[in-house]
Amino acid sequence: MPRPGPAPLASLKTLFGTKRGTMLPLPPNLARLYGCLRMPLPRSRPHVFSNFVSTLDGVVSLNAKGHASGADFSGSSAQDRMVMGLLRAILDEVCRVSPGKLILVEGGPRLLGDFYAERLIDEQFLTLAPQIAGRDAGDRRLSLVMGKAFAPRDALWGTLIDVRRGSSHLFLRYSFAEFGGA
């Protein structure tokens, strides 16, 4: 008996979405899966955004050999991989048409901390995975931003601009416009 093929990828359900920015033309299959994607209008400096997956308790990396990627938290979610691929494809396509206007930061929690410290992140895409990873005292598990402390003196506040749901995962998008962003 032949094995059934992989189940078709389910569309993300938009729970809340921004109306600002330019709607990017997506191929029909991506538009069906993701929905409408808007990005900021062109401006003098690049629009810098980041994409991470996090557990409910804020862990983005187990920081252990063979377990340092987001797949450990997303459960290898096809929808999370689709969003990651979409964001990467937007950086590639925009670079082809208008070099240097959109920059995707994927370098890890310490690099992201440096970008936040310099007030360079305009938007944060964050997949919230339905998992509790936990931490022991002295644990080396990483959170979204490492190597920099902002609160309570210099807390960075974002504005929620997009929420989508795929299975038990939430796909969140925050703007940090007070940095001079979108």
N, C-alpha and C. Protein backbone atom coordinates (compact mmCIF):
# COMPACT_ATOMS: atom_id res chain seq x y z
N MET A 1 0.85 -1.18 0.00
CA MET A 1 0.00 0.00 0.00
C MET A 1 0.89 1.23 0.00
N PRO A 2 0.65 2.19 -0.90
CA PRO A 2 1.48 3.39 -0.95
C PRO A 2 1.31 4.24 0.30
N ARG A 3 2.42 4.86 0.70
CA ARG A 3 2.37 5.76 1.86
C ARG A 3 1.71 7.07 1.46
N PRO A 4 0.90 7.62 2.34
CA PRO A 4 0.30 8.92 2.01
C PRO A 4 1.37 9.99 2.00
N GLY A 5 1.20 10.98 1.14
CA GLY A 5 2.14 12.10 1.08
C GLY A 5 1.98 13.00 2.29
N PRO A 6 2.85 13.99 2.41
CA PRO A 6 2.73 14.90 3.55
C PRO A 6 1.41 15.67 3.49
N ALA A 7 0.89 15.95 4.66
CA ALA A 7 -0.35 16.72 4.73
C ALA A 7 -0.10 18.11 4.16
N PRO A 8 -1.08 18.68 3.46
CA PRO A 8 -0.88 20.03 2.93
C PRO A 8 -0.69 21.02 4.07
N LEU A 9 0.14 22.01 3.82
CA LEU A 9 0.43 23.03 4.81
C LEU A 9 -0.81 23.90 5.02
N ALA A 10 -1.25 24.02 6.26
CA ALA A 10 -2.44 24.82 6.57
C ALA A 10 -2.10 26.30 6.56
N SER A 11 -3.05 27.09 6.14
CA SER A 11 -2.89 28.55 6.11
C SER A 11 -2.86 29.10 7.53
N LEU A 12 -2.11 30.18 7.71
CA LEU A 12 -2.13 30.89 8.99
C LEU A 12 -3.43 31.69 9.06
N LYS A 13 -3.99 31.76 10.24
CA LYS A 13 -5.20 32.55 10.44
C LYS A 13 -4.80 33.91 11.01
N THR A 14 -5.15 34.97 10.29
CA THR A 14 -4.83 36.32 10.75
C THR A 14 -5.83 36.71 11.83
N LEU A 15 -5.32 36.98 13.03
CA LEU A 15 -6.16 37.41 14.15
C LEU A 15 -6.18 38.93 14.25
N PHE A 16 -5.09 39.54 13.85
CA PHE A 16 -4.96 41.00 13.87
C PHE A 16 -3.85 41.37 12.90
N GLY A 17 -4.07 42.37 12.06
CA GLY A 17 -3.05 42.76 11.09
C GLY A 17 -3.01 44.25 10.87
N THR A 18 -1.83 44.75 10.61
CA THR A 18 -1.63 46.16 10.36
C THR A 18 -2.14 46.55 8.97
N LYS A 19 -2.52 47.77 8.84
CA LYS A 19 -2.96 48.30 7.54
C LYS A 19 -1.91 49.27 6.99
N ARG A 20 -0.78 49.43 7.70
CA ARG A 20 0.24 50.36 7.25
C ARG A 20 1.28 49.66 6.40
N GLY A 21 1.95 50.43 5.58
CA GLY A 21 2.98 49.88 4.72
C GLY A 21 2.44 49.45 3.38
N THR A 22 3.35 48.99 2.54
CA THR A 22 3.02 48.56 1.19
C THR A 22 2.73 47.07 1.19
N MET A 23 1.62 46.68 0.59
CA MET A 23 1.31 45.26 0.48
C MET A 23 2.25 44.66 -0.56
N LEU A 24 2.99 43.64 -0.13
CA LEU A 24 3.92 42.99 -1.05
C LEU A 24 3.18 41.95 -1.88
N PRO A 25 3.43 41.94 -3.18
CA PRO A 25 2.79 40.93 -4.02
C PRO A 25 3.45 39.57 -3.75
N LEU A 26 2.67 38.64 -3.27
CA LEU A 26 3.17 37.29 -3.00
C LEU A 26 2.64 36.34 -4.07
N PRO A 27 3.43 35.31 -4.39
CA PRO A 27 2.90 34.27 -5.27
C PRO A 27 1.61 33.70 -4.67
N PRO A 28 0.68 33.25 -5.49
CA PRO A 28 -0.62 32.79 -5.00
C PRO A 28 -0.54 31.77 -3.85
N ASN A 29 0.36 30.80 -3.91
CA ASN A 29 0.45 29.80 -2.84
C ASN A 29 0.90 30.43 -1.53
N LEU A 30 1.87 31.36 -1.58
CA LEU A 30 2.32 32.03 -0.35
C LEU A 30 1.22 32.95 0.18
N ALA A 31 0.53 33.64 -0.70
CA ALA A 31 -0.57 34.50 -0.27
C ALA A 31 -1.65 33.67 0.42
N ARG A 32 -1.92 32.47 -0.08
CA ARG A 32 -2.90 31.59 0.55
C ARG A 32 -2.42 31.14 1.93
N LEU A 33 -1.14 30.83 2.05
CA LEU A 33 -0.60 30.33 3.32
C LEU A 33 -0.39 31.42 4.37
N TYR A 34 0.16 32.56 3.96
CA TYR A 34 0.49 33.62 4.92
C TYR A 34 -0.59 34.68 5.00
N GLY A 35 -1.21 35.00 3.90
CA GLY A 35 -2.16 36.11 3.86
C GLY A 35 -1.45 37.37 3.39
N CYS A 36 -2.00 38.49 3.70
CA CYS A 36 -1.46 39.78 3.29
C CYS A 36 -0.20 40.11 4.10
N LEU A 37 0.85 40.52 3.42
CA LEU A 37 2.08 40.95 4.09
C LEU A 37 2.40 42.37 3.65
N ARG A 38 2.44 43.25 4.62
CA ARG A 38 2.78 44.65 4.36
C ARG A 38 4.14 44.95 4.97
N MET A 39 4.91 45.74 4.24
CA MET A 39 6.20 46.20 4.73
C MET A 39 6.22 47.72 4.61
N PRO A 40 7.06 48.37 5.40
CA PRO A 40 7.10 49.84 5.41
C PRO A 40 7.45 50.43 4.06
N LEU A 41 7.01 51.64 3.87
CA LEU A 41 7.34 52.37 2.65
C LEU A 41 8.83 52.70 2.65
N PRO A 42 9.43 52.88 1.47
CA PRO A 42 10.85 53.22 1.39
C PRO A 42 11.16 54.50 2.16
N ARG A 43 12.35 54.54 2.73
CA ARG A 43 12.80 55.72 3.47
C ARG A 43 14.31 55.82 3.34
N SER A 44 14.89 56.77 4.03
CA SER A 44 16.31 57.04 3.83
C SER A 44 17.22 55.95 4.39
N ARG A 45 16.83 55.32 5.47
CA ARG A 45 17.69 54.27 6.03
C ARG A 45 17.01 52.91 5.87
N PRO A 46 17.77 51.82 5.92
CA PRO A 46 17.17 50.48 5.78
C PRO A 46 16.19 50.17 6.91
N HIS A 47 15.22 49.34 6.62
CA HIS A 47 14.28 48.82 7.60
C HIS A 47 14.85 47.49 8.11
N VAL A 48 15.16 47.42 9.40
CA VAL A 48 15.83 46.26 9.98
C VAL A 48 14.82 45.48 10.80
N PHE A 49 14.72 44.17 10.52
CA PHE A 49 13.80 43.33 11.27
C PHE A 49 14.47 42.02 11.62
N SER A 50 13.91 41.35 12.61
CA SER A 50 14.47 40.09 13.10
C SER A 50 13.36 39.06 13.20
N ASN A 51 13.76 37.80 13.15
CA ASN A 51 12.80 36.70 13.24
C ASN A 51 13.37 35.63 14.17
N PHE A 52 12.61 35.28 15.21
CA PHE A 52 13.01 34.23 16.15
C PHE A 52 11.80 33.39 16.51
N VAL A 53 12.08 32.20 17.02
CA VAL A 53 11.05 31.37 17.64
C VAL A 53 11.44 31.24 19.11
N SER A 54 10.45 31.30 19.98
CA SER A 54 10.67 31.26 21.42
C SER A 54 9.67 30.33 22.09
N THR A 55 10.09 29.74 23.20
CA THR A 55 9.15 28.97 24.02
C THR A 55 8.28 29.94 24.81
N LEU A 56 7.27 29.43 25.45
CA LEU A 56 6.40 30.28 26.27
C LEU A 56 7.17 30.96 27.40
N ASP A 57 8.24 30.31 27.87
CA ASP A 57 9.03 30.90 28.95
C ASP A 57 10.26 31.65 28.46
N GLY A 58 10.30 31.98 27.16
CA GLY A 58 11.31 32.89 26.65
C GLY A 58 12.64 32.30 26.22
N VAL A 59 12.75 30.99 26.10
CA VAL A 59 14.00 30.37 25.68
C VAL A 59 14.03 30.30 24.15
N VAL A 60 15.14 30.77 23.54
CA VAL A 60 15.28 30.71 22.08
C VAL A 60 16.37 29.74 21.65
N SER A 61 17.18 29.29 22.60
CA SER A 61 18.22 28.30 22.28
C SER A 61 18.56 27.51 23.54
N LEU A 62 18.66 26.19 23.38
CA LEU A 62 19.07 25.35 24.50
C LEU A 62 20.57 25.45 24.74
N ASN A 63 21.29 26.01 23.75
CA ASN A 63 22.73 26.23 23.86
C ASN A 63 23.46 24.93 24.22
N ALA A 64 23.01 23.84 23.60
CA ALA A 64 23.61 22.52 23.83
C ALA A 64 23.93 21.90 22.48
N LYS A 65 25.00 21.13 22.44
CA LYS A 65 25.43 20.50 21.18
C LYS A 65 24.26 19.73 20.56
N GLY A 66 23.99 20.04 19.29
CA GLY A 66 22.92 19.38 18.56
C GLY A 66 21.53 19.92 18.85
N HIS A 67 21.44 20.91 19.75
CA HIS A 67 20.14 21.47 20.13
C HIS A 67 20.23 22.99 20.28
N ALA A 68 20.74 23.66 19.27
CA ALA A 68 20.90 25.11 19.36
C ALA A 68 19.96 25.86 18.42
N SER A 69 19.19 25.14 17.62
CA SER A 69 18.34 25.82 16.63
C SER A 69 16.92 26.00 17.13
N GLY A 70 16.18 26.83 16.40
CA GLY A 70 14.78 27.08 16.73
C GLY A 70 13.89 25.88 16.50
N ALA A 71 14.35 24.90 15.72
CA ALA A 71 13.54 23.71 15.45
C ALA A 71 13.22 22.95 16.73
N ASP A 72 14.10 23.06 17.73
CA ASP A 72 13.84 22.40 19.02
C ASP A 72 12.60 22.98 19.69
N PHE A 73 12.29 24.24 19.39
CA PHE A 73 11.14 24.89 20.01
C PHE A 73 9.91 24.91 19.13
N SER A 74 10.13 25.05 17.85
CA SER A 74 8.98 25.12 16.95
C SER A 74 8.38 23.74 16.72
N GLY A 75 9.09 22.68 17.16
CA GLY A 75 8.62 21.33 16.88
C GLY A 75 8.76 21.04 15.40
N SER A 76 9.73 21.69 14.78
CA SER A 76 9.93 21.60 13.33
C SER A 76 8.65 21.98 12.58
N SER A 77 7.95 22.98 13.10
CA SER A 77 6.70 23.45 12.51
C SER A 77 6.90 23.89 11.06
N ALA A 78 6.16 23.28 10.16
CA ALA A 78 6.23 23.66 8.74
C ALA A 78 5.78 25.10 8.56
N GLN A 79 4.84 25.56 9.37
CA GLN A 79 4.37 26.94 9.25
C GLN A 79 5.46 27.92 9.69
N ASP A 80 6.20 27.58 10.75
CA ASP A 80 7.30 28.44 11.18
C ASP A 80 8.38 28.48 10.10
N ARG A 81 8.71 27.35 9.51
CA ARG A 81 9.70 27.31 8.43
C ARG A 81 9.21 28.13 7.23
N MET A 82 7.90 28.09 6.97
CA MET A 82 7.34 28.86 5.87
C MET A 82 7.51 30.36 6.12
N VAL A 83 7.22 30.82 7.34
CA VAL A 83 7.37 32.25 7.66
C VAL A 83 8.84 32.64 7.55
N MET A 84 9.74 31.81 8.08
CA MET A 84 11.16 32.10 8.00
C MET A 84 11.60 32.20 6.53
N GLY A 85 11.18 31.27 5.72
CA GLY A 85 11.52 31.29 4.30
C GLY A 85 10.94 32.50 3.59
N LEU A 86 9.71 32.87 3.95
CA LEU A 86 9.06 34.04 3.36
C LEU A 86 9.86 35.30 3.68
N LEU A 87 10.25 35.46 4.94
CA LEU A 87 11.01 36.65 5.33
C LEU A 87 12.37 36.69 4.63
N ARG A 88 13.00 35.54 4.49
CA ARG A 88 14.28 35.50 3.76
C ARG A 88 14.08 35.82 2.28
N ALA A 89 13.02 35.33 1.70
CA ALA A 89 12.76 35.57 0.29
C ALA A 89 12.44 37.04 0.02
N ILE A 90 11.75 37.70 0.99
CA ILE A 90 11.46 39.13 0.87
C ILE A 90 12.77 39.89 0.82
N LEU A 91 13.88 39.50 1.82
CA LEU A 91 15.16 40.21 1.82
C LEU A 91 15.83 40.07 0.48
N ASP A 92 15.73 38.77 -0.16
CA ASP A 92 16.38 38.50 -1.44
C ASP A 92 15.73 39.30 -2.55
N GLU A 93 14.39 39.30 -2.62
CA GLU A 93 13.68 39.99 -3.70
C GLU A 93 13.85 41.50 -3.59
N VAL A 94 13.73 42.04 -2.37
CA VAL A 94 13.90 43.48 -2.19
C VAL A 94 15.32 43.88 -2.54
N CYS A 95 16.29 43.06 -2.15
CA CYS A 95 17.69 43.37 -2.48
C CYS A 95 17.91 43.40 -3.99
N ARG A 96 17.20 42.55 -4.70
CA ARG A 96 17.34 42.52 -6.15
C ARG A 96 16.81 43.82 -6.77
N VAL A 97 15.68 44.29 -6.27
CA VAL A 97 15.03 45.48 -6.83
C VAL A 97 15.57 46.77 -6.22
N SER A 98 15.78 46.76 -4.90
CA SER A 98 16.19 47.96 -4.17
C SER A 98 17.18 47.58 -3.08
N PRO A 99 18.45 47.43 -3.43
CA PRO A 99 19.45 46.94 -2.48
C PRO A 99 19.52 47.74 -1.18
N GLY A 100 19.62 47.01 -0.06
CA GLY A 100 19.84 47.64 1.23
C GLY A 100 18.65 48.28 1.88
N LYS A 101 17.43 48.06 1.40
CA LYS A 101 16.25 48.71 1.99
C LYS A 101 15.61 47.88 3.10
N LEU A 102 15.73 46.56 3.06
CA LEU A 102 15.24 45.69 4.12
C LEU A 102 16.39 44.78 4.56
N ILE A 103 16.61 44.71 5.87
CA ILE A 103 17.68 43.87 6.39
C ILE A 103 17.10 42.95 7.45
N LEU A 104 17.30 41.64 7.25
CA LEU A 104 16.84 40.62 8.19
C LEU A 104 18.01 40.21 9.07
N VAL A 105 17.85 40.36 10.40
CA VAL A 105 18.88 39.97 11.37
C VAL A 105 18.53 38.61 11.93
N GLU A 106 19.42 37.64 11.73
CA GLU A 106 19.21 36.28 12.25
C GLU A 106 20.44 35.77 12.99
N GLY A 107 21.24 36.66 13.53
CA GLY A 107 22.55 36.28 14.06
C GLY A 107 22.60 35.72 15.46
N GLY A 108 21.52 35.64 16.18
CA GLY A 108 21.55 35.11 17.53
C GLY A 108 21.25 36.18 18.57
N PRO A 109 20.99 35.75 19.81
CA PRO A 109 20.58 36.66 20.88
C PRO A 109 21.58 37.75 21.24
N ARG A 110 22.88 37.46 21.15
CA ARG A 110 23.87 38.49 21.48
C ARG A 110 23.94 39.57 20.40
N LEU A 111 23.94 39.15 19.14
CA LEU A 111 23.94 40.12 18.05
C LEU A 111 22.64 40.93 18.07
N LEU A 112 21.52 40.26 18.32
CA LEU A 112 20.24 40.97 18.40
C LEU A 112 20.28 41.99 19.53
N GLY A 113 20.88 41.62 20.66
CA GLY A 113 21.03 42.56 21.77
C GLY A 113 21.81 43.80 21.37
N ASP A 114 22.87 43.62 20.58
CA ASP A 114 23.64 44.76 20.10
C ASP A 114 22.79 45.65 19.19
N PHE A 115 22.00 45.03 18.31
CA PHE A 115 21.13 45.82 17.42
C PHE A 115 20.09 46.60 18.22
N TYR A 116 19.50 45.96 19.24
CA TYR A 116 18.54 46.66 20.09
C TYR A 116 19.21 47.79 20.87
N ALA A 117 20.42 47.54 21.36
CA ALA A 117 21.13 48.57 22.13
C ALA A 117 21.41 49.81 21.28
N GLU A 118 21.64 49.61 20.01
CA GLU A 118 21.89 50.74 19.09
C GLU A 118 20.60 51.29 18.50
N ARG A 119 19.48 50.75 18.94
CA ARG A 119 18.15 51.18 18.46
C ARG A 119 18.02 51.02 16.95
N LEU A 120 18.48 49.87 16.44
CA LEU A 120 18.45 49.62 15.01
C LEU A 120 17.35 48.66 14.57
N ILE A 121 16.71 47.95 15.50
CA ILE A 121 15.65 47.01 15.13
C ILE A 121 14.34 47.78 14.97
N ASP A 122 13.75 47.68 13.79
CA ASP A 122 12.47 48.34 13.53
C ASP A 122 11.29 47.42 13.81
N GLU A 123 11.47 46.12 13.54
CA GLU A 123 10.38 45.16 13.78
C GLU A 123 10.95 43.83 14.25
N GLN A 124 10.17 43.18 15.11
CA GLN A 124 10.53 41.86 15.60
C GLN A 124 9.41 40.89 15.24
N PHE A 125 9.74 39.90 14.41
CA PHE A 125 8.83 38.79 14.15
C PHE A 125 9.18 37.72 15.18
N LEU A 126 8.18 37.22 15.89
CA LEU A 126 8.43 36.24 16.95
C LEU A 126 7.38 35.14 16.89
N THR A 127 7.84 33.92 16.66
CA THR A 127 6.96 32.76 16.72
C THR A 127 6.95 32.28 18.16
N LEU A 128 5.78 32.23 18.77
CA LEU A 128 5.63 31.74 20.14
C LEU A 128 5.18 30.30 20.08
N ALA A 129 6.08 29.41 20.47
CA ALA A 129 5.81 27.97 20.40
C ALA A 129 5.20 27.49 21.72
N PRO A 130 4.28 26.54 21.66
CA PRO A 130 3.56 26.07 22.85
C PRO A 130 4.39 25.08 23.67
N GLN A 131 5.56 25.53 24.14
CA GLN A 131 6.46 24.66 24.89
C GLN A 131 7.05 25.42 26.07
N ILE A 132 7.22 24.73 27.18
CA ILE A 132 7.96 25.26 28.33
C ILE A 132 9.29 24.52 28.35
N ALA A 133 10.39 25.26 28.24
CA ALA A 133 11.72 24.65 28.25
C ALA A 133 12.31 24.63 29.65
N GLY A 134 12.05 25.67 30.44
CA GLY A 134 12.58 25.74 31.80
C GLY A 134 14.06 26.10 31.81
N ARG A 135 14.52 26.43 33.02
CA ARG A 135 15.94 26.76 33.24
C ARG A 135 16.33 26.32 34.64
N ASP A 136 17.53 25.78 34.73
CA ASP A 136 18.13 25.51 36.04
C ASP A 136 18.95 26.73 36.45
N ALA A 137 19.26 26.83 37.75
CA ALA A 137 20.14 27.91 38.19
C ALA A 137 21.47 27.78 37.45
N GLY A 138 21.94 28.87 36.88
CA GLY A 138 23.19 28.85 36.15
C GLY A 138 23.08 28.24 34.76
N ASP A 139 21.86 28.00 34.29
CA ASP A 139 21.62 27.40 32.99
C ASP A 139 22.15 28.31 31.88
N ARG A 140 22.61 27.73 30.79
CA ARG A 140 23.15 28.50 29.67
C ARG A 140 22.12 28.67 28.55
N ARG A 141 20.87 28.36 28.81
CA ARG A 141 19.84 28.53 27.78
C ARG A 141 19.65 30.01 27.51
N LEU A 142 19.51 30.34 26.25
CA LEU A 142 19.47 31.73 25.84
C LEU A 142 18.04 32.24 25.69
N SER A 143 17.87 33.52 26.00
CA SER A 143 16.60 34.19 25.74
C SER A 143 16.76 35.03 24.48
N LEU A 144 15.73 35.74 24.08
CA LEU A 144 15.72 36.49 22.83
C LEU A 144 16.89 37.47 22.72
N VAL A 145 17.19 38.18 23.80
CA VAL A 145 18.28 39.15 23.82
C VAL A 145 19.23 38.79 24.95
N MET A 146 20.50 38.67 24.62
CA MET A 146 21.53 38.33 25.61
C MET A 146 22.64 39.38 25.56
N GLY A 147 23.27 39.59 26.70
CA GLY A 147 24.42 40.48 26.76
C GLY A 147 24.07 41.95 26.94
N LYS A 148 22.81 42.26 27.00
CA LYS A 148 22.34 43.63 27.21
C LYS A 148 21.16 43.60 28.16
N ALA A 149 21.10 44.58 29.06
CA ALA A 149 19.95 44.71 29.97
C ALA A 149 19.33 46.09 29.74
N PHE A 150 18.02 46.11 29.56
CA PHE A 150 17.33 47.37 29.27
C PHE A 150 16.42 47.80 30.42
N ALA A 151 15.59 46.91 30.91
CA ALA A 151 14.66 47.25 31.99
C ALA A 151 15.39 47.12 33.33
N PRO A 152 15.05 47.90 34.32
CA PRO A 152 13.93 48.83 34.38
C PRO A 152 14.27 50.24 33.88
N ARG A 153 15.56 50.60 33.80
CA ARG A 153 15.93 51.98 33.45
C ARG A 153 15.65 52.36 32.01
N ASP A 154 15.87 51.43 31.08
CA ASP A 154 15.80 51.76 29.66
C ASP A 154 15.01 50.70 28.89
N ALA A 155 13.84 50.34 29.41
CA ALA A 155 13.03 49.29 28.80
C ALA A 155 12.67 49.66 27.36
N LEU A 156 12.69 48.67 26.49
CA LEU A 156 12.31 48.87 25.09
C LEU A 156 10.90 48.34 24.91
N TRP A 157 10.00 49.20 24.47
CA TRP A 157 8.60 48.83 24.31
C TRP A 157 8.25 48.78 22.83
N GLY A 158 7.65 47.68 22.42
CA GLY A 158 7.19 47.53 21.06
C GLY A 158 5.68 47.68 20.98
N THR A 159 5.18 47.82 19.77
CA THR A 159 3.75 47.89 19.51
C THR A 159 3.37 46.67 18.68
N LEU A 160 2.40 45.91 19.16
CA LEU A 160 1.93 44.73 18.43
C LEU A 160 1.22 45.18 17.16
N ILE A 161 1.72 44.71 16.00
CA ILE A 161 1.11 45.13 14.74
C ILE A 161 0.55 43.97 13.92
N ASP A 162 0.80 42.73 14.34
CA ASP A 162 0.29 41.60 13.57
C ASP A 162 0.29 40.35 14.46
N VAL A 163 -0.81 39.58 14.38
CA VAL A 163 -0.92 38.31 15.10
C VAL A 163 -1.55 37.30 14.16
N ARG A 164 -0.89 36.17 14.02
CA ARG A 164 -1.43 35.07 13.21
C ARG A 164 -1.31 33.80 14.03
N ARG A 165 -2.18 32.86 13.70
CA ARG A 165 -2.19 31.58 14.43
C ARG A 165 -2.04 30.45 13.43
N GLY A 166 -1.20 29.51 13.78
CA GLY A 166 -1.04 28.30 13.00
C GLY A 166 -0.96 27.14 13.97
N SER A 167 -2.00 26.32 13.99
CA SER A 167 -2.08 25.23 14.97
C SER A 167 -2.00 25.85 16.36
N SER A 168 -1.03 25.42 17.18
CA SER A 168 -0.90 25.98 18.53
C SER A 168 0.18 27.05 18.63
N HIS A 169 0.74 27.46 17.51
CA HIS A 169 1.78 28.49 17.48
C HIS A 169 1.14 29.84 17.20
N LEU A 170 1.70 30.89 17.82
CA LEU A 170 1.32 32.26 17.51
C LEU A 170 2.48 32.92 16.78
N PHE A 171 2.15 33.65 15.73
CA PHE A 171 3.15 34.37 14.94
C PHE A 171 2.91 35.85 15.20
N LEU A 172 3.80 36.45 15.99
CA LEU A 172 3.64 37.83 16.45
C LEU A 172 4.60 38.74 15.70
N ARG A 173 4.19 39.99 15.56
CA ARG A 173 5.04 40.98 14.91
C ARG A 173 4.90 42.28 15.68
N TYR A 174 6.04 42.80 16.12
CA TYR A 174 6.08 44.04 16.91
C TYR A 174 6.87 45.09 16.16
N SER A 175 6.39 46.34 16.25
CA SER A 175 7.10 47.49 15.69
C SER A 175 7.77 48.24 16.84
N PHE A 176 8.96 48.73 16.56
CA PHE A 176 9.68 49.56 17.51
C PHE A 176 9.88 50.93 16.87
N ALA A 177 8.75 51.58 16.53
CA ALA A 177 8.75 52.83 15.78
C ALA A 177 9.45 53.97 16.53
N GLU A 178 9.46 53.92 17.85
CA GLU A 178 10.11 55.00 18.61
C GLU A 178 11.61 55.04 18.35
N PHE A 179 12.15 53.98 17.74
CA PHE A 179 13.57 53.98 17.38
C PHE A 179 13.80 54.76 16.10
N GLY A 180 12.73 55.31 15.53
CA GLY A 180 12.85 55.97 14.24
C GLY A 180 12.47 55.04 13.12
N GLY A 181 11.80 53.92 13.46
CA GLY A 181 11.45 52.91 12.48
C GLY A 181 10.13 53.19 11.80
N ALA A 182 9.50 52.10 11.38
CA ALA A 182 8.30 52.13 10.53
C ALA A 182 7.21 53.04 11.02
